[in-house]
């Protein structure tokens, strides 16, 4: 008997490509980067916020790639003074990753 799990895929894409980017950009760029930048220059706040962003994901093998994503997202925030470009970039970064993850899972 085969089951339809398509609603789980849609839910996963919504969570990973909408909710996560909005919440993470609000927290990491809006709050953490903003706080770090109040205490130091952007050249220090950008990589430091990227380290925190990467560490919170708790994926040692992804630490360096997530660090670079964090640098890009913090730089977008610094340049635009808005979390919207970061949210859109973050969502577009997450989309192929969640599709790859979902396409490799098998159901019994």
PDB file of N, CA and C in Angstrom:
ATOM      1  N   UNK A   1       0.844  -1.166   0.000  1.00  0.00           N
ATOM      2  CA  UNK A   1       0.000   0.000   0.000  1.00  0.00           C
ATOM      3  C   UNK A   1       0.897   1.240   0.000  1.00  0.00           C
ATOM      4  N   UNK A   2       0.625   2.144  -0.898  1.00  0.00           N
ATOM      5  CA  UNK A   2       1.427   3.358  -1.019  1.00  0.00           C
ATOM      6  C   UNK A   2       0.670   4.528  -0.387  1.00  0.00           C
ATOM      7  N   UNK A   3       1.398   5.362   0.349  1.00  0.00           N
ATOM      8  CA  UNK A   3       0.805   6.510   1.018  1.00  0.00           C
ATOM      9  C   UNK A   3       1.234   7.793   0.331  1.00  0.00           C
ATOM     10  N   UNK A   4       0.376   8.802   0.415  1.00  0.00           N
ATOM     11  CA  UNK A   4       0.705  10.110  -0.151  1.00  0.00           C
ATOM     12  C   UNK A   4       1.306  10.980   0.950  1.00  0.00           C
ATOM     13  N   UNK A   5       2.587  11.254   0.839  1.00  0.00           N
ATOM     14  CA  UNK A   5       3.287  12.078   1.828  1.00  0.00           C
ATOM     15  C   UNK A   5       3.559  13.486   1.306  1.00  0.00           C
ATOM     16  N   UNK A   6       2.901  13.876   0.220  1.00  0.00           N
ATOM     17  CA  UNK A   6       3.187  15.171  -0.397  1.00  0.00           C
ATOM     18  C   UNK A   6       2.924  16.337   0.551  1.00  0.00           C
ATOM     19  N   UNK A   7       1.964  16.198   1.453  1.00  0.00           N
ATOM     20  CA  UNK A   7       1.698  17.299   2.394  1.00  0.00           C
ATOM     21  C   UNK A   7       2.883  17.514   3.342  1.00  0.00           C
ATOM     22  N   UNK A   8       3.639  16.468   3.627  1.00  0.00           N
ATOM     23  CA  UNK A   8       4.834  16.625   4.455  1.00  0.00           C
ATOM     24  C   UNK A   8       5.920  17.386   3.697  1.00  0.00           C
ATOM     25  N   UNK A   9       6.023  17.162   2.406  1.00  0.00           N
ATOM     26  CA  UNK A   9       6.995  17.875   1.595  1.00  0.00           C
ATOM     27  C   UNK A   9       6.670  19.361   1.546  1.00  0.00           C
ATOM     28  N   UNK A  10       5.405  19.652   1.353  1.00  0.00           N
ATOM     29  CA  UNK A  10       4.974  21.055   1.316  1.00  0.00           C
ATOM     30  C   UNK A  10       5.248  21.708   2.666  1.00  0.00           C
ATOM     31  N   UNK A  11       4.914  21.021   3.750  1.00  0.00           N
ATOM     32  CA  UNK A  11       5.159  21.559   5.085  1.00  0.00           C
ATOM     33  C   UNK A  11       6.652  21.776   5.323  1.00  0.00           C
ATOM     34  N   UNK A  12       7.482  20.819   4.900  1.00  0.00           N
ATOM     35  CA  UNK A  12       8.930  20.951   5.071  1.00  0.00           C
ATOM     36  C   UNK A  12       9.459  22.149   4.297  1.00  0.00           C
ATOM     37  N   UNK A  13       8.985  22.351   3.083  1.00  0.00           N
ATOM     38  CA  UNK A  13       9.435  23.489   2.278  1.00  0.00           C
ATOM     39  C   UNK A  13       8.995  24.801   2.911  1.00  0.00           C
ATOM     40  N   UNK A  14       7.770  24.849   3.443  1.00  0.00           N
ATOM     41  CA  UNK A  14       7.294  26.065   4.118  1.00  0.00           C
ATOM     42  C   UNK A  14       8.157  26.370   5.342  1.00  0.00           C
ATOM     43  N   UNK A  15       8.435  25.353   6.132  1.00  0.00           N
ATOM     44  CA  UNK A  15       9.231  25.561   7.348  1.00  0.00           C
ATOM     45  C   UNK A  15      10.654  25.988   6.996  1.00  0.00           C
ATOM     46  N   UNK A  16      11.280  25.289   6.058  1.00  0.00           N
ATOM     47  CA  UNK A  16      12.698  25.518   5.746  1.00  0.00           C
ATOM     48  C   UNK A  16      12.917  26.751   4.868  1.00  0.00           C
ATOM     49  N   UNK A  17      11.953  27.078   4.021  1.00  0.00           N
ATOM     50  CA  UNK A  17      12.151  28.170   3.060  1.00  0.00           C
ATOM     51  C   UNK A  17      11.365  29.437   3.383  1.00  0.00           C
ATOM     52  N   UNK A  18      10.503  29.388   4.383  1.00  0.00           N
ATOM     53  CA  UNK A  18       9.754  30.583   4.767  1.00  0.00           C
ATOM     54  C   UNK A  18       9.977  30.894   6.249  1.00  0.00           C
ATOM     55  N   UNK A  19       9.589  29.969   7.108  1.00  0.00           N
ATOM     56  CA  UNK A  19       9.651  30.229   8.555  1.00  0.00           C
ATOM     57  C   UNK A  19      11.089  30.342   9.054  1.00  0.00           C
ATOM     58  N   UNK A  20      11.951  29.404   8.666  1.00  0.00           N
ATOM     59  CA  UNK A  20      13.349  29.452   9.124  1.00  0.00           C
ATOM     60  C   UNK A  20      14.067  30.719   8.657  1.00  0.00           C
ATOM     61  N   UNK A  21      13.985  31.096   7.376  1.00  0.00           N
ATOM     62  CA  UNK A  21      14.672  32.330   6.968  1.00  0.00           C
ATOM     63  C   UNK A  21      14.161  33.580   7.689  1.00  0.00           C
ATOM     64  N   UNK A  22      12.860  33.676   7.866  1.00  0.00           N
ATOM     65  CA  UNK A  22      12.313  34.852   8.567  1.00  0.00           C
ATOM     66  C   UNK A  22      12.807  34.885  10.012  1.00  0.00           C
ATOM     67  N   UNK A  23      12.693  33.761  10.706  1.00  0.00           N
ATOM     68  CA  UNK A  23      13.090  33.746  12.117  1.00  0.00           C
ATOM     69  C   UNK A  23      14.599  33.873  12.289  1.00  0.00           C
ATOM     70  N   UNK A  24      15.380  33.167  11.459  1.00  0.00           N
ATOM     71  CA  UNK A  24      16.833  33.234  11.603  1.00  0.00           C
ATOM     72  C   UNK A  24      17.386  34.602  11.218  1.00  0.00           C
ATOM     73  N   UNK A  25      16.858  35.215  10.189  1.00  0.00           N
ATOM     74  CA  UNK A  25      17.337  36.552   9.831  1.00  0.00           C
ATOM     75  C   UNK A  25      16.961  37.574  10.900  1.00  0.00           C
ATOM     76  N   UNK A  26      15.786  37.432  11.474  1.00  0.00           N
ATOM     77  CA  UNK A  26      15.382  38.327  12.559  1.00  0.00           C
ATOM     78  C   UNK A  26      16.320  38.182  13.751  1.00  0.00           C
ATOM     79  N   UNK A  27      16.624  36.935  14.102  1.00  0.00           N
ATOM     80  CA  UNK A  27      17.485  36.677  15.268  1.00  0.00           C
ATOM     81  C   UNK A  27      18.951  37.020  14.969  1.00  0.00           C
ATOM     82  N   UNK A  28      19.496  36.434  13.899  1.00  0.00           N
ATOM     83  CA  UNK A  28      20.941  36.543  13.671  1.00  0.00           C
ATOM     84  C   UNK A  28      21.374  37.875  13.092  1.00  0.00           C
ATOM     85  N   UNK A  29      20.608  38.440  12.180  1.00  0.00           N
ATOM     86  CA  UNK A  29      20.984  39.737  11.616  1.00  0.00           C
ATOM     87  C   UNK A  29      20.318  40.873  12.378  1.00  0.00           C
ATOM     88  N   UNK A  30      19.030  40.753  12.640  1.00  0.00           N
ATOM     89  CA  UNK A  30      18.323  41.834  13.325  1.00  0.00           C
ATOM     90  C   UNK A  30      18.797  42.055  14.746  1.00  0.00           C
ATOM     91  N   UNK A  31      18.960  40.977  15.505  1.00  0.00           N
ATOM     92  CA  UNK A  31      19.338  41.119  16.909  1.00  0.00           C
ATOM     93  C   UNK A  31      20.838  40.933  17.151  1.00  0.00           C
ATOM     94  N   UNK A  32      21.356  39.755  16.810  1.00  0.00           N
ATOM     95  CA  UNK A  32      22.755  39.448  17.144  1.00  0.00           C
ATOM     96  C   UNK A  32      23.726  40.349  16.384  1.00  0.00           C
ATOM     97  N   UNK A  33      23.594  40.414  15.061  1.00  0.00           N
ATOM     98  CA  UNK A  33      24.489  41.290  14.304  1.00  0.00           C
ATOM     99  C   UNK A  33      24.303  42.745  14.738  1.00  0.00           C
ATOM    100  N   UNK A  34      23.052  43.151  14.900  1.00  0.00           N
ATOM    101  CA  UNK A  34      22.783  44.528  15.328  1.00  0.00           C
ATOM    102  C   UNK A  34      23.467  44.853  16.646  1.00  0.00           C
ATOM    103  N   UNK A  35      23.402  43.928  17.593  1.00  0.00           N
ATOM    104  CA  UNK A  35      24.038  44.144  18.896  1.00  0.00           C
ATOM    105  C   UNK A  35      25.558  44.189  18.748  1.00  0.00           C
ATOM    106  N   UNK A  36      26.114  43.232  17.991  1.00  0.00           N
ATOM    107  CA  UNK A  36      27.569  43.212  17.792  1.00  0.00           C
ATOM    108  C   UNK A  36      28.054  44.475  17.090  1.00  0.00           C
ATOM    109  N   UNK A  37      27.277  44.958  16.132  1.00  0.00           N
ATOM    110  CA  UNK A  37      27.690  46.145  15.388  1.00  0.00           C
ATOM    111  C   UNK A  37      27.586  47.410  16.241  1.00  0.00           C
ATOM    112  N   UNK A  38      26.722  47.407  17.219  1.00  0.00           N
ATOM    113  CA  UNK A  38      26.678  48.552  18.150  1.00  0.00           C
ATOM    114  C   UNK A  38      27.940  48.602  19.007  1.00  0.00           C
ATOM    115  N   UNK A  39      28.554  47.431  19.253  1.00  0.00           N
ATOM    116  CA  UNK A  39      29.738  47.362  20.103  1.00  0.00           C
ATOM    117  C   UNK A  39      31.043  47.340  19.326  1.00  0.00           C
ATOM    118  N   UNK A  40      30.961  47.174  18.006  1.00  0.00           N
ATOM    119  CA  UNK A  40      32.184  47.123  17.225  1.00  0.00           C
ATOM    120  C   UNK A  40      31.907  47.389  15.757  1.00  0.00           C
ATOM    121  N   UNK A  41      32.971  47.504  14.978  1.00  0.00           N
ATOM    122  CA  UNK A  41      32.799  47.793  13.553  1.00  0.00           C
ATOM    123  C   UNK A  41      32.223  46.595  12.793  1.00  0.00           C
ATOM    124  N   UNK A  42      31.677  46.874  11.613  1.00  0.00           N
ATOM    125  CA  UNK A  42      31.098  45.822  10.771  1.00  0.00           C
ATOM    126  C   UNK A  42      32.129  44.746  10.442  1.00  0.00           C
ATOM    127  N   UNK A  43      33.384  45.128  10.252  1.00  0.00           N
ATOM    128  CA  UNK A  43      34.424  44.149   9.918  1.00  0.00           C
ATOM    129  C   UNK A  43      34.635  43.118  11.027  1.00  0.00           C
ATOM    130  N   UNK A  44      34.243  43.438  12.233  1.00  0.00           N
ATOM    131  CA  UNK A  44      34.300  42.490  13.341  1.00  0.00           C
ATOM    132  C   UNK A  44      32.937  41.822  13.543  1.00  0.00           C
ATOM    133  N   UNK A  45      31.869  42.590  13.437  1.00  0.00           N
ATOM    134  CA  UNK A  45      30.522  42.076  13.698  1.00  0.00           C
ATOM    135  C   UNK A  45      30.081  41.052  12.654  1.00  0.00           C
ATOM    136  N   UNK A  46      30.457  41.255  11.397  1.00  0.00           N
ATOM    137  CA  UNK A  46      30.030  40.330  10.331  1.00  0.00           C
ATOM    138  C   UNK A  46      30.579  38.920  10.564  1.00  0.00           C
ATOM    139  N   UNK A  47      31.908  38.742  10.689  1.00  0.00           N
ATOM    140  CA  UNK A  47      32.391  37.361  10.889  1.00  0.00           C
ATOM    141  C   UNK A  47      31.991  36.769  12.232  1.00  0.00           C
ATOM    142  N   UNK A  48      31.913  37.598  13.261  1.00  0.00           N
ATOM    143  CA  UNK A  48      31.522  37.081  14.569  1.00  0.00           C
ATOM    144  C   UNK A  48      30.076  36.591  14.550  1.00  0.00           C
ATOM    145  N   UNK A  49      29.185  37.341  13.920  1.00  0.00           N
ATOM    146  CA  UNK A  49      27.793  36.885  13.821  1.00  0.00           C
ATOM    147  C   UNK A  49      27.701  35.637  12.943  1.00  0.00           C
ATOM    148  N   UNK A  50      28.571  35.533  11.934  1.00  0.00           N
ATOM    149  CA  UNK A  50      28.593  34.347  11.072  1.00  0.00           C
ATOM    150  C   UNK A  50      29.062  33.110  11.842  1.00  0.00           C
ATOM    151  N   UNK A  51      30.030  33.286  12.730  1.00  0.00           N
ATOM    152  CA  UNK A  51      30.486  32.176  13.572  1.00  0.00           C
ATOM    153  C   UNK A  51      29.344  31.696  14.463  1.00  0.00           C
ATOM    154  N   UNK A  52      28.622  32.623  15.065  1.00  0.00           N
ATOM    155  CA  UNK A  52      27.494  32.261  15.932  1.00  0.00           C
ATOM    156  C   UNK A  52      26.419  31.546  15.110  1.00  0.00           C
ATOM    157  N   UNK A  53      26.085  32.089  13.937  1.00  0.00           N
ATOM    158  CA  UNK A  53      25.097  31.491  13.040  1.00  0.00           C
ATOM    159  C   UNK A  53      25.484  30.054  12.700  1.00  0.00           C
ATOM    160  N   UNK A  54      26.727  29.845  12.344  1.00  0.00           N
ATOM    161  CA  UNK A  54      27.207  28.530  11.965  1.00  0.00           C
ATOM    162  C   UNK A  54      27.218  27.578  13.163  1.00  0.00           C
ATOM    163  N   UNK A  55      27.672  28.044  14.302  1.00  0.00           N
ATOM    164  CA  UNK A  55      27.760  27.196  15.497  1.00  0.00           C
ATOM    165  C   UNK A  55      26.385  26.749  15.983  1.00  0.00           C
ATOM    166  N   UNK A  56      25.411  27.623  15.898  1.00  0.00           N
ATOM    167  CA  UNK A  56      24.072  27.289  16.375  1.00  0.00           C
ATOM    168  C   UNK A  56      23.448  26.162  15.545  1.00  0.00           C
ATOM    169  N   UNK A  57      23.858  26.016  14.305  1.00  0.00           N
ATOM    170  CA  UNK A  57      23.318  24.940  13.469  1.00  0.00           C
ATOM    171  C   UNK A  57      23.848  23.561  13.871  1.00  0.00           C
ATOM    172  N   UNK A  58      24.892  23.515  14.681  1.00  0.00           N
ATOM    173  CA  UNK A  58      25.433  22.286  15.267  1.00  0.00           C
ATOM    174  C   UNK A  58      25.740  21.192  14.239  1.00  0.00           C
ATOM    175  N   UNK A  59      26.298  21.583  13.121  1.00  0.00           N
ATOM    176  CA  UNK A  59      26.700  20.635  12.082  1.00  0.00           C
ATOM    177  C   UNK A  59      28.171  20.883  11.769  1.00  0.00           C
ATOM    178  N   UNK A  60      29.043  20.143  12.421  1.00  0.00           N
ATOM    179  CA  UNK A  60      30.473  20.379  12.285  1.00  0.00           C
ATOM    180  C   UNK A  60      30.925  20.332  10.824  1.00  0.00           C
ATOM    181  N   UNK A  61      30.416  19.379  10.068  1.00  0.00           N
ATOM    182  CA  UNK A  61      30.829  19.243   8.667  1.00  0.00           C
ATOM    183  C   UNK A  61      30.368  20.444   7.832  1.00  0.00           C
ATOM    184  N   UNK A  62      29.336  21.149   8.282  1.00  0.00           N
ATOM    185  CA  UNK A  62      28.815  22.320   7.557  1.00  0.00           C
ATOM    186  C   UNK A  62      29.258  23.643   8.165  1.00  0.00           C
ATOM    187  N   UNK A  63      30.127  23.585   9.174  1.00  0.00           N
ATOM    188  CA  UNK A  63      30.497  24.823   9.869  1.00  0.00           C
ATOM    189  C   UNK A  63      31.058  25.870   8.909  1.00  0.00           C
ATOM    190  N   UNK A  64      32.014  25.490   8.089  1.00  0.00           N
ATOM    191  CA  UNK A  64      32.644  26.455   7.182  1.00  0.00           C
ATOM    192  C   UNK A  64      31.673  26.963   6.106  1.00  0.00           C
ATOM    193  N   UNK A  65      30.927  26.081   5.425  1.00  0.00           N
ATOM    194  CA  UNK A  65      29.955  26.610   4.452  1.00  0.00           C
ATOM    195  C   UNK A  65      28.912  27.515   5.095  1.00  0.00           C
ATOM    196  N   UNK A  66      28.418  27.140   6.269  1.00  0.00           N
ATOM    197  CA  UNK A  66      27.426  27.982   6.947  1.00  0.00           C
ATOM    198  C   UNK A  66      28.037  29.297   7.426  1.00  0.00           C
ATOM    199  N   UNK A  67      29.315  29.267   7.772  1.00  0.00           N
ATOM    200  CA  UNK A  67      30.007  30.500   8.130  1.00  0.00           C
ATOM    201  C   UNK A  67      29.987  31.463   6.947  1.00  0.00           C
ATOM    202  N   UNK A  68      30.322  30.971   5.755  1.00  0.00           N
ATOM    203  CA  UNK A  68      30.331  31.836   4.572  1.00  0.00           C
ATOM    204  C   UNK A  68      28.930  32.331   4.219  1.00  0.00           C
ATOM    205  N   UNK A  69      27.930  31.476   4.397  1.00  0.00           N
ATOM    206  CA  UNK A  69      26.542  31.920   4.201  1.00  0.00           C
ATOM    207  C   UNK A  69      26.226  33.033   5.195  1.00  0.00           C
ATOM    208  N   UNK A  70      26.641  32.870   6.441  1.00  0.00           N
ATOM    209  CA  UNK A  70      26.428  33.896   7.458  1.00  0.00           C
ATOM    210  C   UNK A  70      27.113  35.206   7.123  1.00  0.00           C
ATOM    211  N   UNK A  71      28.310  35.130   6.551  1.00  0.00           N
ATOM    212  CA  UNK A  71      29.022  36.347   6.127  1.00  0.00           C
ATOM    213  C   UNK A  71      28.239  37.056   5.020  1.00  0.00           C
ATOM    214  N   UNK A  72      27.767  36.289   4.047  1.00  0.00           N
ATOM    215  CA  UNK A  72      26.999  36.880   2.947  1.00  0.00           C
ATOM    216  C   UNK A  72      25.719  37.529   3.478  1.00  0.00           C
ATOM    217  N   UNK A  73      25.009  36.815   4.330  1.00  0.00           N
ATOM    218  CA  UNK A  73      23.744  37.344   4.851  1.00  0.00           C
ATOM    219  C   UNK A  73      23.957  38.584   5.726  1.00  0.00           C
ATOM    220  N   UNK A  74      24.992  38.576   6.550  1.00  0.00           N
ATOM    221  CA  UNK A  74      25.287  39.751   7.376  1.00  0.00           C
ATOM    222  C   UNK A  74      25.727  40.925   6.501  1.00  0.00           C
ATOM    223  N   UNK A  75      26.472  40.638   5.451  1.00  0.00           N
ATOM    224  CA  UNK A  75      26.886  41.702   4.526  1.00  0.00           C
ATOM    225  C   UNK A  75      25.692  42.297   3.797  1.00  0.00           C
ATOM    226  N   UNK A  76      24.742  41.439   3.412  1.00  0.00           N
ATOM    227  CA  UNK A  76      23.510  41.943   2.790  1.00  0.00           C
ATOM    228  C   UNK A  76      22.761  42.865   3.755  1.00  0.00           C
ATOM    229  N   UNK A  77      22.689  42.446   5.004  1.00  0.00           N
ATOM    230  CA  UNK A  77      22.011  43.270   6.006  1.00  0.00           C
ATOM    231  C   UNK A  77      22.743  44.591   6.209  1.00  0.00           C
ATOM    232  N   UNK A  78      24.060  44.532   6.306  1.00  0.00           N
ATOM    233  CA  UNK A  78      24.858  45.742   6.502  1.00  0.00           C
ATOM    234  C   UNK A  78      24.657  46.701   5.338  1.00  0.00           C
ATOM    235  N   UNK A  79      24.653  46.174   4.129  1.00  0.00           N
ATOM    236  CA  UNK A  79      24.523  47.028   2.951  1.00  0.00           C
ATOM    237  C   UNK A  79      23.133  47.586   2.736  1.00  0.00           C
ATOM    238  N   UNK A  80      22.121  46.814   3.097  1.00  0.00           N
ATOM    239  CA  UNK A  80      20.743  47.237   2.819  1.00  0.00           C
ATOM    240  C   UNK A  80      20.029  47.822   4.032  1.00  0.00           C
ATOM    241  N   UNK A  81      20.507  47.492   5.228  1.00  0.00           N
ATOM    242  CA  UNK A  81      19.847  47.886   6.477  1.00  0.00           C
ATOM    243  C   UNK A  81      18.424  47.338   6.557  1.00  0.00           C
ATOM    244  N   UNK A  82      18.238  46.182   5.925  1.00  0.00           N
ATOM    245  CA  UNK A  82      16.942  45.506   5.930  1.00  0.00           C
ATOM    246  C   UNK A  82      17.198  44.005   5.985  1.00  0.00           C
ATOM    247  N   UNK A  83      16.324  43.282   6.691  1.00  0.00           N
ATOM    248  CA  UNK A  83      16.473  41.825   6.717  1.00  0.00           C
ATOM    249  C   UNK A  83      15.810  41.161   5.507  1.00  0.00           C
ATOM    250  N   UNK A  84      15.060  41.915   4.719  1.00  0.00           N
ATOM    251  CA  UNK A  84      14.341  41.341   3.574  1.00  0.00           C
ATOM    252  C   UNK A  84      15.287  40.708   2.543  1.00  0.00           C
ATOM    253  N   UNK A  85      16.356  41.389   2.099  1.00  0.00           N
ATOM    254  CA  UNK A  85      17.264  40.718   1.149  1.00  0.00           C
ATOM    255  C   UNK A  85      17.868  39.434   1.726  1.00  0.00           C
ATOM    256  N   UNK A  86      18.171  39.443   3.011  1.00  0.00           N
ATOM    257  CA  UNK A  86      18.710  38.246   3.659  1.00  0.00           C
ATOM    258  C   UNK A  86      17.686  37.123   3.732  1.00  0.00           C
ATOM    259  N   UNK A  87      16.440  37.473   4.011  1.00  0.00           N
ATOM    260  CA  UNK A  87      15.376  36.465   4.057  1.00  0.00           C
ATOM    261  C   UNK A  87      15.231  35.800   2.693  1.00  0.00           C
ATOM    262  N   UNK A  88      15.193  36.608   1.636  1.00  0.00           N
ATOM    263  CA  UNK A  88      15.038  36.059   0.287  1.00  0.00           C
ATOM    264  C   UNK A  88      16.244  35.198  -0.107  1.00  0.00           C
ATOM    265  N   UNK A  89      17.444  35.675   0.183  1.00  0.00           N
ATOM    266  CA  UNK A  89      18.656  34.914  -0.130  1.00  0.00           C
ATOM    267  C   UNK A  89      18.703  33.622   0.669  1.00  0.00           C
ATOM    268  N   UNK A  90      18.363  33.707   1.939  1.00  0.00           N
ATOM    269  CA  UNK A  90      18.351  32.552   2.830  1.00  0.00           C
ATOM    270  C   UNK A  90      17.353  31.506   2.317  1.00  0.00           C
ATOM    271  N   UNK A  91      16.174  31.961   1.914  1.00  0.00           N
ATOM    272  CA  UNK A  91      15.153  31.045   1.386  1.00  0.00           C
ATOM    273  C   UNK A  91      15.633  30.372   0.112  1.00  0.00           C
ATOM    274  N   UNK A  92      16.254  31.144  -0.770  1.00  0.00           N
ATOM    275  CA  UNK A  92      16.759  30.577  -2.024  1.00  0.00           C
ATOM    276  C   UNK A  92      17.930  29.629  -1.786  1.00  0.00           C
ATOM    277  N   UNK A  93      18.694  29.874  -0.746  1.00  0.00           N
ATOM    278  CA  UNK A  93      19.780  28.966  -0.382  1.00  0.00           C
ATOM    279  C   UNK A  93      19.208  27.659   0.172  1.00  0.00           C
ATOM    280  N   UNK A  94      18.167  27.762   1.002  1.00  0.00           N
ATOM    281  CA  UNK A  94      17.586  26.575   1.628  1.00  0.00           C
ATOM    282  C   UNK A  94      16.794  25.710   0.650  1.00  0.00           C
ATOM    283  N   UNK A  95      16.180  26.313  -0.359  1.00  0.00           N
ATOM    284  CA  UNK A  95      15.283  25.577  -1.251  1.00  0.00           C
ATOM    285  C   UNK A  95      15.949  24.373  -1.932  1.00  0.00           C
ATOM    286  N   UNK A  96      17.066  24.536  -2.640  1.00  0.00           N
ATOM    287  CA  UNK A  96      17.650  23.338  -3.275  1.00  0.00           C
ATOM    288  C   UNK A  96      18.132  22.308  -2.253  1.00  0.00           C
ATOM    289  N   UNK A  97      18.532  22.787  -1.082  1.00  0.00           N
ATOM    290  CA  UNK A  97      18.992  21.858  -0.044  1.00  0.00           C
ATOM    291  C   UNK A  97      17.849  21.001   0.485  1.00  0.00           C
ATOM    292  N   UNK A  98      16.698  21.608   0.756  1.00  0.00           N
ATOM    293  CA  UNK A  98      15.571  20.817   1.267  1.00  0.00           C
ATOM    294  C   UNK A  98      15.028  19.903   0.176  1.00  0.00           C
ATOM    295  N   UNK A  99      15.045  20.359  -1.061  1.00  0.00           N
ATOM    296  CA  UNK A  99      14.601  19.491  -2.162  1.00  0.00           C
ATOM    297  C   UNK A  99      15.529  18.284  -2.281  1.00  0.00           C
ATOM    298  N   UNK A 100      16.829  18.513  -2.159  1.00  0.00           N
ATOM    299  CA  UNK A 100      17.786  17.399  -2.216  1.00  0.00           C
ATOM    300  C   UNK A 100      17.565  16.430  -1.063  1.00  0.00           C
ATOM    301  N   UNK A 101      17.338  16.952   0.112  1.00  0.00           N
ATOM    302  CA  UNK A 101      17.100  16.091   1.280  1.00  0.00           C
ATOM    303  C   UNK A 101      15.822  15.283   1.097  1.00  0.00           C
ATOM    304  N   UNK A 102      14.758  15.938   0.658  1.00  0.00           N
ATOM    305  CA  UNK A 102      13.482  15.251   0.493  1.00  0.00           C
ATOM    306  C   UNK A 102      13.526  14.224  -0.636  1.00  0.00           C
ATOM    307  N   UNK A 103      14.309  14.495  -1.654  1.00  0.00           N
ATOM    308  CA  UNK A 103      14.361  13.560  -2.780  1.00  0.00           C
ATOM    309  C   UNK A 103      15.203  12.330  -2.472  1.00  0.00           C
ATOM    310  N   UNK A 104      16.035  12.387  -1.434  1.00  0.00           N
ATOM    311  CA  UNK A 104      16.860  11.232  -1.082  1.00  0.00           C
ATOM    312  C   UNK A 104      16.225  10.354  -0.025  1.00  0.00           C
ATOM    313  N   UNK A 105      15.157  10.831   0.603  1.00  0.00           N
ATOM    314  CA  UNK A 105      14.504  10.015   1.635  1.00  0.00           C
ATOM    315  C   UNK A 105      13.594   8.995   0.970  1.00  0.00           C
ATOM    316  N   UNK A 106      13.546   7.845   1.568  1.00  0.00           N
ATOM    317  CA  UNK A 106      12.674   6.785   1.054  1.00  0.00           C
ATOM    318  C   UNK A 106      11.623   6.444   2.101  1.00  0.00           C
ATOM    319  N   UNK A 107      10.484   6.028   1.649  1.00  0.00           N
ATOM    320  CA  UNK A 107       9.419   5.624   2.563  1.00  0.00           C
ATOM    321  C   UNK A 107       9.133   4.144   2.368  1.00  0.00           C
ATOM    322  N   UNK A 108       8.799   3.491   3.437  1.00  0.00           N
ATOM    323  CA  UNK A 108       8.487   2.057   3.369  1.00  0.00           C
ATOM    324  C   UNK A 108       7.010   1.838   3.496  1.00  0.00           C
TER     325      UNK A 108
END
